[in-house]
PDB file of N, CA and C in Angstrom:
ATOM      1  N   MET A   1     -50.252 164.096 192.473  1.00  0.00           N
ATOM      2  CA  MET A   1     -51.429 164.487 191.635  1.00  0.00           C
ATOM      3  C   MET A   1     -51.592 163.585 190.355  1.00  0.00           C
ATOM      4  N   LYS A   2     -52.791 163.447 190.282  1.00  0.00           N
ATOM      5  CA  LYS A   2     -53.334 162.472 189.006  1.00  0.00           C
ATOM      6  C   LYS A   2     -53.363 163.108 187.770  1.00  0.00           C
ATOM      7  N   ALA A   3     -53.129 162.620 186.794  1.00  0.00           N
ATOM      8  CA  ALA A   3     -53.403 163.215 185.395  1.00  0.00           C
ATOM      9  C   ALA A   3     -54.767 162.806 185.090  1.00  0.00           C
ATOM     10  N   THR A   4     -55.390 163.817 184.263  1.00  0.00           N
ATOM     11  CA  THR A   4     -56.751 163.496 183.951  1.00  0.00           C
ATOM     12  C   THR A   4     -57.059 163.186 182.560  1.00  0.00           C
ATOM     13  N   SER A   5     -58.158 162.359 182.331  1.00  0.00           N
ATOM     14  CA  SER A   5     -58.452 161.897 181.094  1.00  0.00           C
ATOM     15  C   SER A   5     -59.864 162.052 180.672  1.00  0.00           C
ATOM     16  N   ILE A   6     -60.152 162.204 179.282  1.00  0.00           N
ATOM     17  CA  ILE A   6     -61.287 162.492 178.640  1.00  0.00           C
ATOM     18  C   ILE A   6     -61.485 161.480 177.604  1.00  0.00           C
ATOM     19  N   LEU A   7     -62.535 160.625 177.737  1.00  0.00           N
ATOM     20  CA  LEU A   7     -62.882 159.469 176.840  1.00  0.00           C
ATOM     21  C   LEU A   7     -63.642 160.309 175.623  1.00  0.00           C
ATOM     22  N   HIS A   8     -63.015 159.852 174.478  1.00  0.00           N
ATOM     23  CA  HIS A   8     -63.603 160.594 173.259  1.00  0.00           C
ATOM     24  C   HIS A   8     -64.346 159.430 172.452  1.00  0.00           C
ATOM     25  N   VAL A   9     -63.996 158.304 172.438  1.00  0.00           N
ATOM     26  CA  VAL A   9     -64.612 157.340 171.666  1.00  0.00           C
ATOM     27  C   VAL A   9     -64.535 155.739 172.379  1.00  0.00           C
ATOM     28  N   GLU A  10     -65.408 155.114 172.559  1.00  0.00           N
ATOM     29  CA  GLU A  10     -65.479 153.574 172.875  1.00  0.00           C
ATOM     30  C   GLU A  10     -66.258 153.084 172.056  1.00  0.00           C
ATOM     31  N   ASN A  11     -65.740 151.899 171.410  1.00  0.00           N
ATOM     32  CA  ASN A  11     -66.748 151.039 170.772  1.00  0.00           C
ATOM     33  C   ASN A  11     -66.023 149.735 170.579  1.00  0.00           C
ATOM     34  N   GLU A  12     -66.577 148.889 169.783  1.00  0.00           N
ATOM     35  CA  GLU A  12     -65.966 147.412 169.744  1.00  0.00           C
ATOM     36  C   GLU A  12     -64.568 147.303 169.090  1.00  0.00           C
ATOM     37  N   ARG A  13     -64.105 148.432 168.640  1.00  0.00           N
ATOM     38  CA  ARG A  13     -62.726 148.274 168.076  1.00  0.00           C
ATOM     39  C   ARG A  13     -61.657 149.001 168.622  1.00  0.00           C
ATOM     40  N   VAL A  14     -62.123 150.292 169.246  1.00  0.00           N
ATOM     41  CA  VAL A  14     -61.008 151.061 169.915  1.00  0.00           C
ATOM     42  C   VAL A  14     -61.628 151.876 171.013  1.00  0.00           C
ATOM     43  N   VAL A  15     -60.610 152.338 171.722  1.00  0.00           N
ATOM     44  CA  VAL A  15     -60.847 153.308 172.846  1.00  0.00           C
ATOM     45  C   VAL A  15     -59.854 154.377 172.557  1.00  0.00           C
ATOM     46  N   VAL A  16     -60.504 155.699 172.650  1.00  0.00           N
ATOM     47  CA  VAL A  16     -59.613 156.873 172.304  1.00  0.00           C
ATOM     48  C   VAL A  16     -59.875 157.805 173.656  1.00  0.00           C
ATOM     49  N   THR A  17     -58.693 158.098 174.226  1.00  0.00           N
ATOM     50  CA  THR A  17     -58.893 158.802 175.307  1.00  0.00           C
ATOM     51  C   THR A  17     -57.563 159.961 175.372  1.00  0.00           C
ATOM     52  N   GLU A  18     -57.983 161.222 175.838  1.00  0.00           N
ATOM     53  CA  GLU A  18     -57.195 162.183 175.716  1.00  0.00           C
ATOM     54  C   GLU A  18     -56.521 162.445 177.282  1.00  0.00           C
ATOM     55  N   TRP A  19     -55.388 162.566 177.357  1.00  0.00           N
ATOM     56  CA  TRP A  19     -54.684 162.550 178.763  1.00  0.00           C
ATOM     57  C   TRP A  19     -53.971 164.045 178.905  1.00  0.00           C
ATOM     58  N   ARG A  20     -54.366 164.480 180.177  1.00  0.00           N
ATOM     59  CA  ARG A  20     -53.760 165.822 180.315  1.00  0.00           C
ATOM     60  C   ARG A  20     -52.864 165.692 181.761  1.00  0.00           C
ATOM     61  N   PHE A  21     -51.656 166.192 181.708  1.00  0.00           N
ATOM     62  CA  PHE A  21     -50.675 166.176 182.832  1.00  0.00           C
ATOM     63  C   PHE A  21     -50.374 167.255 183.105  1.00  0.00           C
ATOM     64  N   ALA A  22     -50.743 167.890 184.348  1.00  0.00           N
ATOM     65  CA  ALA A  22     -50.106 169.091 185.005  1.00  0.00           C
ATOM     66  C   ALA A  22     -48.535 168.648 185.135  1.00  0.00           C
ATOM     67  N   PRO A  23     -47.615 169.543 185.412  1.00  0.00           N
ATOM     68  CA  PRO A  23     -46.283 169.204 185.791  1.00  0.00           C
ATOM     69  C   PRO A  23     -46.251 168.368 187.193  1.00  0.00           C
ATOM     70  N   GLY A  24     -45.701 167.184 186.986  1.00  0.00           N
ATOM     71  CA  GLY A  24     -45.484 166.082 188.077  1.00  0.00           C
ATOM     72  C   GLY A  24     -46.698 165.229 188.163  1.00  0.00           C
ATOM     73  N   ALA A  25     -47.739 165.664 187.373  1.00  0.00           N
ATOM     74  CA  ALA A  25     -49.030 164.498 187.427  1.00  0.00           C
ATOM     75  C   ALA A  25     -48.582 163.215 186.832  1.00  0.00           C
ATOM     76  N   GLU A  26     -49.198 162.253 187.212  1.00  0.00           N
ATOM     77  CA  GLU A  26     -49.180 160.997 186.776  1.00  0.00           C
ATOM     78  C   GLU A  26     -50.462 160.083 186.547  1.00  0.00           C
ATOM     79  N   THR A  27     -50.138 158.940 185.908  1.00  0.00           N
ATOM     80  CA  THR A  27     -51.323 158.149 185.641  1.00  0.00           C
ATOM     81  C   THR A  27     -51.545 157.317 186.808  1.00  0.00           C
ATOM     82  N   GLY A  28     -50.485 156.936 187.476  1.00  0.00           N
ATOM     83  CA  GLY A  28     -50.516 155.718 188.506  1.00  0.00           C
ATOM     84  C   GLY A  28     -50.127 154.476 187.947  1.00  0.00           C
ATOM     85  N   HIS A  29     -49.658 153.421 188.708  1.00  0.00           N
ATOM     86  CA  HIS A  29     -49.350 152.201 187.903  1.00  0.00           C
ATOM     87  C   HIS A  29     -50.583 151.596 187.192  1.00  0.00           C
ATOM     88  N   HIS A  30     -50.314 150.963 186.070  1.00  0.00           N
ATOM     89  CA  HIS A  30     -51.344 150.237 185.417  1.00  0.00           C
ATOM     90  C   HIS A  30     -50.680 149.447 184.379  1.00  0.00           C
ATOM     91  N   VAL A  31     -51.708 148.423 183.683  1.00  0.00           N
ATOM     92  CA  VAL A  31     -51.291 147.577 182.724  1.00  0.00           C
ATOM     93  C   VAL A  31     -52.518 147.650 181.418  1.00  0.00           C
ATOM     94  N   HIS A  32     -52.051 147.985 180.255  1.00  0.00           N
ATOM     95  CA  HIS A  32     -52.862 148.130 179.226  1.00  0.00           C
ATOM     96  C   HIS A  32     -53.440 146.534 178.932  1.00  0.00           C
ATOM     97  N   ALA A  33     -54.825 146.436 178.725  1.00  0.00           N
ATOM     98  CA  ALA A  33     -55.203 145.222 178.200  1.00  0.00           C
ATOM     99  C   ALA A  33     -55.212 145.081 176.628  1.00  0.00           C
ATOM    100  N   HIS A  34     -54.856 146.268 175.880  1.00  0.00           N
ATOM    101  CA  HIS A  34     -54.894 146.180 174.524  1.00  0.00           C
ATOM    102  C   HIS A  34     -53.611 146.808 174.077  1.00  0.00           C
ATOM    103  N   ASP A  35     -53.126 146.465 172.660  1.00  0.00           N
ATOM    104  CA  ASP A  35     -52.184 147.346 172.193  1.00  0.00           C
ATOM    105  C   ASP A  35     -52.593 148.671 171.992  1.00  0.00           C
ATOM    106  N   TYR A  36     -51.493 149.632 171.922  1.00  0.00           N
ATOM    107  CA  TYR A  36     -52.026 150.969 171.875  1.00  0.00           C
ATOM    108  C   TYR A  36     -51.171 151.891 171.269  1.00  0.00           C
ATOM    109  N   VAL A  37     -51.480 153.173 170.744  1.00  0.00           N
ATOM    110  CA  VAL A  37     -50.665 154.139 170.037  1.00  0.00           C
ATOM    111  C   VAL A  37     -50.905 155.264 170.807  1.00  0.00           C
ATOM    112  N   VAL A  38     -49.920 156.214 171.198  1.00  0.00           N
ATOM    113  CA  VAL A  38     -49.982 157.489 171.796  1.00  0.00           C
ATOM    114  C   VAL A  38     -49.389 158.496 170.621  1.00  0.00           C
ATOM    115  N   ILE A  39     -50.284 159.497 170.643  1.00  0.00           N
ATOM    116  CA  ILE A  39     -50.031 160.663 169.759  1.00  0.00           C
ATOM    117  C   ILE A  39     -49.732 161.972 170.631  1.00  0.00           C
ATOM    118  N   PRO A  40     -48.647 162.388 170.786  1.00  0.00           N
ATOM    119  CA  PRO A  40     -48.389 163.756 171.626  1.00  0.00           C
ATOM    120  C   PRO A  40     -49.082 164.930 170.884  1.00  0.00           C
ATOM    121  N   LEU A  41     -49.819 165.646 171.625  1.00  0.00           N
ATOM    122  CA  LEU A  41     -50.293 166.978 171.281  1.00  0.00           C
ATOM    123  C   LEU A  41     -49.395 168.064 171.363  1.00  0.00           C
ATOM    124  N   GLY A  42     -48.225 167.930 172.038  1.00  0.00           N
ATOM    125  CA  GLY A  42     -47.402 169.161 171.961  1.00  0.00           C
ATOM    126  C   GLY A  42     -45.914 168.405 172.512  1.00  0.00           C
ATOM    127  N   ASP A  43     -45.138 169.196 172.777  1.00  0.00           N
ATOM    128  CA  ASP A  43     -43.539 168.754 173.122  1.00  0.00           C
ATOM    129  C   ASP A  43     -43.650 168.487 174.697  1.00  0.00           C
ATOM    130  N   GLY A  44     -42.673 167.785 175.021  1.00  0.00           N
ATOM    131  CA  GLY A  44     -42.757 167.493 176.633  1.00  0.00           C
ATOM    132  C   GLY A  44     -41.896 166.255 177.072  1.00  0.00           C
ATOM    133  N   VAL A  45     -41.540 166.202 178.189  1.00  0.00           N
ATOM    134  CA  VAL A  45     -40.798 165.019 178.984  1.00  0.00           C
ATOM    135  C   VAL A  45     -41.748 164.162 179.799  1.00  0.00           C
ATOM    136  N   LEU A  46     -41.869 162.949 179.287  1.00  0.00           N
ATOM    137  CA  LEU A  46     -42.350 162.016 180.272  1.00  0.00           C
ATOM    138  C   LEU A  46     -41.445 160.971 180.963  1.00  0.00           C
ATOM    139  N   ARG A  47     -41.737 160.482 182.002  1.00  0.00           N
ATOM    140  CA  ARG A  47     -40.942 159.604 182.935  1.00  0.00           C
ATOM    141  C   ARG A  47     -41.934 158.476 182.973  1.00  0.00           C
ATOM    142  N   ILE A  48     -41.292 157.257 182.356  1.00  0.00           N
ATOM    143  CA  ILE A  48     -41.958 155.840 182.250  1.00  0.00           C
ATOM    144  C   ILE A  48     -41.101 155.031 183.071  1.00  0.00           C
ATOM    145  N   GLY A  49     -41.461 154.606 184.250  1.00  0.00           N
ATOM    146  CA  GLY A  49     -40.643 153.822 185.031  1.00  0.00           C
ATOM    147  C   GLY A  49     -39.236 154.846 185.389  1.00  0.00           C
ATOM    148  N   SER A  50     -38.092 154.274 185.035  1.00  0.00           N
ATOM    149  CA  SER A  50     -36.980 155.022 185.451  1.00  0.00           C
ATOM    150  C   SER A  50     -36.531 155.869 184.168  1.00  0.00           C
ATOM    151  N   LEU A  51     -37.134 155.804 182.933  1.00  0.00           N
ATOM    152  CA  LEU A  51     -36.773 156.447 181.753  1.00  0.00           C
ATOM    153  C   LEU A  51     -37.356 157.670 181.405  1.00  0.00           C
ATOM    154  N   GLU A  52     -36.666 158.622 181.210  1.00  0.00           N
ATOM    155  CA  GLU A  52     -37.259 159.808 180.833  1.00  0.00           C
ATOM    156  C   GLU A  52     -37.146 160.188 179.289  1.00  0.00           C
ATOM    157  N   THR A  53     -38.254 160.276 178.562  1.00  0.00           N
ATOM    158  CA  THR A  53     -38.433 160.426 177.084  1.00  0.00           C
ATOM    159  C   THR A  53     -38.978 161.702 176.591  1.00  0.00           C
ATOM    160  N   GLN A  54     -38.183 162.282 175.703  1.00  0.00           N
ATOM    161  CA  GLN A  54     -38.449 163.757 175.226  1.00  0.00           C
ATOM    162  C   GLN A  54     -39.667 163.272 174.164  1.00  0.00           C
ATOM    163  N   LEU A  55     -40.724 163.900 174.032  1.00  0.00           N
ATOM    164  CA  LEU A  55     -41.870 163.627 173.034  1.00  0.00           C
ATOM    165  C   LEU A  55     -42.105 164.876 172.263  1.00  0.00           C
ATOM    166  N   ARG A  56     -42.288 164.686 171.133  1.00  0.00           N
ATOM    167  CA  ARG A  56     -42.468 165.779 170.115  1.00  0.00           C
ATOM    168  C   ARG A  56     -44.152 165.647 169.725  1.00  0.00           C
ATOM    169  N   ALA A  57     -44.608 166.938 169.391  1.00  0.00           N
ATOM    170  CA  ALA A  57     -45.974 167.065 168.884  1.00  0.00           C
ATOM    171  C   ALA A  57     -46.147 166.246 167.619  1.00  0.00           C
ATOM    172  N   GLY A  58     -47.173 165.345 167.607  1.00  0.00           N
ATOM    173  CA  GLY A  58     -47.447 164.461 166.353  1.00  0.00           C
ATOM    174  C   GLY A  58     -46.461 163.343 166.096  1.00  0.00           C
ATOM    175  N   GLU A  59     -45.540 163.158 166.935  1.00  0.00           N
ATOM    176  CA  GLU A  59     -44.517 161.932 166.681  1.00  0.00           C
ATOM    177  C   GLU A  59     -45.028 160.784 167.587  1.00  0.00           C
ATOM    178  N   SER A  60     -45.799 159.908 166.753  1.00  0.00           N
ATOM    179  CA  SER A  60     -46.714 158.925 167.440  1.00  0.00           C
ATOM    180  C   SER A  60     -45.764 157.802 167.970  1.00  0.00           C
ATOM    181  N   TYR A  61     -46.125 156.864 168.882  1.00  0.00           N
ATOM    182  CA  TYR A  61     -45.279 155.694 169.233  1.00  0.00           C
ATOM    183  C   TYR A  61     -46.378 154.563 169.562  1.00  0.00           C
ATOM    184  N   ALA A  62     -46.068 153.151 169.409  1.00  0.00           N
ATOM    185  CA  ALA A  62     -46.845 152.185 169.648  1.00  0.00           C
ATOM    186  C   ALA A  62     -46.304 151.322 170.645  1.00  0.00           C
ATOM    187  N   ARG A  63     -47.279 150.625 171.749  1.00  0.00           N
ATOM    188  CA  ARG A  63     -46.570 149.652 172.483  1.00  0.00           C
ATOM    189  C   ARG A  63     -47.697 148.434 172.474  1.00  0.00           C
ATOM    190  N   SER A  64     -47.234 147.371 173.049  1.00  0.00           N
ATOM    191  CA  SER A  64     -47.837 146.421 173.214  1.00  0.00           C
ATOM    192  C   SER A  64     -48.709 146.208 174.362  1.00  0.00           C
ATOM    193  N   ALA A  65     -49.855 145.350 174.597  1.00  0.00           N
ATOM    194  CA  ALA A  65     -50.468 145.250 175.777  1.00  0.00           C
ATOM    195  C   ALA A  65     -49.519 144.463 176.789  1.00  0.00           C
ATOM    196  N   GLY A  66     -49.853 144.738 178.209  1.00  0.00           N
ATOM    197  CA  GLY A  66     -49.286 143.800 179.009  1.00  0.00           C
ATOM    198  C   GLY A  66     -48.337 144.165 179.983  1.00  0.00           C
ATOM    199  N   VAL A  67     -47.597 145.525 179.694  1.00  0.00           N
ATOM    200  CA  VAL A  67     -46.614 145.923 180.239  1.00  0.00           C
ATOM    201  C   VAL A  67     -47.153 147.066 181.459  1.00  0.00           C
ATOM    202  N   ALA A  68     -46.672 146.512 182.683  1.00  0.00           N
ATOM    203  CA  ALA A  68     -46.959 147.282 183.823  1.00  0.00           C
ATOM    204  C   ALA A  68     -46.244 148.692 183.914  1.00  0.00           C
ATOM    205  N   HIS A  69     -46.722 149.970 184.133  1.00  0.00           N
ATOM    206  CA  HIS A  69     -45.888 151.199 184.094  1.00  0.00           C
ATOM    207  C   HIS A  69     -46.866 152.222 184.944  1.00  0.00           C
ATOM    208  N   ASN A  70     -45.976 153.336 185.179  1.00  0.00           N
ATOM    209  CA  ASN A  70     -46.479 154.721 185.663  1.00  0.00           C
ATOM    210  C   ASN A  70     -45.953 155.707 184.638  1.00  0.00           C
ATOM    211  N   VAL A  71     -46.730 156.643 184.051  1.00  0.00           N
ATOM    212  CA  VAL A  71     -46.648 157.713 183.222  1.00  0.00           C
ATOM    213  C   VAL A  71     -46.503 159.140 184.256  1.00  0.00           C
ATOM    214  N   VAL A  72     -45.298 159.737 184.174  1.00  0.00           N
ATOM    215  CA  VAL A  72     -45.263 160.995 184.998  1.00  0.00           C
ATOM    216  C   VAL A  72     -44.791 162.127 184.074  1.00  0.00           C
ATOM    217  N   ASN A  73     -45.425 163.297 184.212  1.00  0.00           N
ATOM    218  CA  ASN A  73     -45.094 164.469 183.328  1.00  0.00           C
ATOM    219  C   ASN A  73     -43.666 165.049 183.957  1.00  0.00           C
ATOM    220  N   ALA A  74     -42.479 164.684 183.379  1.00  0.00           N
ATOM    221  CA  ALA A  74     -41.470 165.196 184.238  1.00  0.00           C
ATOM    222  C   ALA A  74     -40.879 166.722 183.727  1.00  0.00           C
ATOM    223  N   GLY A  75     -41.795 167.359 182.873  1.00  0.00           N
ATOM    224  CA  GLY A  75     -41.467 168.592 182.412  1.00  0.00           C
ATOM    225  C   GLY A  75     -42.163 169.870 183.177  1.00  0.00           C
ATOM    226  N   PRO A  76     -41.663 170.970 182.906  1.00  0.00           N
ATOM    227  CA  PRO A  76     -42.469 172.126 183.548  1.00  0.00           C
ATOM    228  C   PRO A  76     -43.670 172.632 183.269  1.00  0.00           C
ATOM    229  N   ASP A  77     -44.164 172.112 182.060  1.00  0.00           N
ATOM    230  CA  ASP A  77     -45.473 172.569 181.527  1.00  0.00           C
ATOM    231  C   ASP A  77     -46.570 171.507 181.333  1.00  0.00           C
ATOM    232  N   GLU A  78     -47.781 171.710 181.443  1.00  0.00           N
ATOM    233  CA  GLU A  78     -48.827 170.855 181.002  1.00  0.00           C
ATOM    234  C   GLU A  78     -48.283 170.048 179.769  1.00  0.00           C
ATOM    235  N   PHE A  79     -48.805 168.806 179.730  1.00  0.00           N
ATOM    236  CA  PHE A  79     -48.332 167.879 178.785  1.00  0.00           C
ATOM    237  C   PHE A  79     -49.697 167.053 178.347  1.00  0.00           C
ATOM    238  N   ARG A  80     -50.194 166.874 177.009  1.00  0.00           N
ATOM    239  CA  ARG A  80     -51.308 166.199 176.651  1.00  0.00           C
ATOM    240  C   ARG A  80     -51.054 165.227 175.563  1.00  0.00           C
ATOM    241  N   PHE A  81     -51.747 164.208 175.595  1.00  0.00           N
ATOM    242  CA  PHE A  81     -51.539 163.174 174.585  1.00  0.00           C
ATOM    243  C   PHE A  81     -52.994 162.528 174.224  1.00  0.00           C
ATOM    244  N   VAL A  82     -53.090 161.925 172.882  1.00  0.00           N
ATOM    245  CA  VAL A  82     -54.215 161.261 172.609  1.00  0.00           C
ATOM    246  C   VAL A  82     -53.713 159.776 172.817  1.00  0.00           C
ATOM    247  N   GLU A  83     -54.427 158.656 173.256  1.00  0.00           N
ATOM    248  CA  GLU A  83     -54.222 157.364 173.370  1.00  0.00           C
ATOM    249  C   GLU A  83     -55.141 156.606 172.725  1.00  0.00           C
ATOM    250  N   VAL A  84     -54.842 155.756 171.689  1.00  0.00           N
ATOM    251  CA  VAL A  84     -55.665 154.965 170.905  1.00  0.00           C
ATOM    252  C   VAL A  84     -55.387 153.334 171.295  1.00  0.00           C
ATOM    253  N   GLU A  85     -56.252 152.909 172.018  1.00  0.00           N
ATOM    254  CA  GLU A  85     -56.202 151.326 172.347  1.00  0.00           C
ATOM    255  C   GLU A  85     -56.837 150.581 171.370  1.00  0.00           C
ATOM    256  N   LEU A  86     -56.494 149.586 170.916  1.00  0.00           N
ATOM    257  CA  LEU A  86     -56.885 148.800 169.670  1.00  0.00           C
ATOM    258  C   LEU A  86     -57.347 147.409 170.289  1.00  0.00           C
ATOM    259  N   LYS A  87     -58.725 147.217 170.419  1.00  0.00           N
ATOM    260  CA  LYS A  87     -59.495 146.028 170.734  1.00  0.00           C
ATOM    261  C   LYS A  87     -59.152 144.783 169.946  1.00  0.00           C
TER     262      LYS A  87
END
């Protein structure tokens, strides 16, 4: 099952996307072309590669461009986050 995305803003500086994951939903393998920040909108568990990470609402994290990965909702409830890619 695929996660769904809603594009909120795209301009010459940023891309802002809201991601929604049903339990077990995933993004599919991808590589970010830009550095990015993820802002969780609730609490949940995501599996990125073989690592499961507990995320908390509002506790953001940043990653650099270029790493191949797949993101899976490993929790029992819907999980949402906002992703801000920096161009």
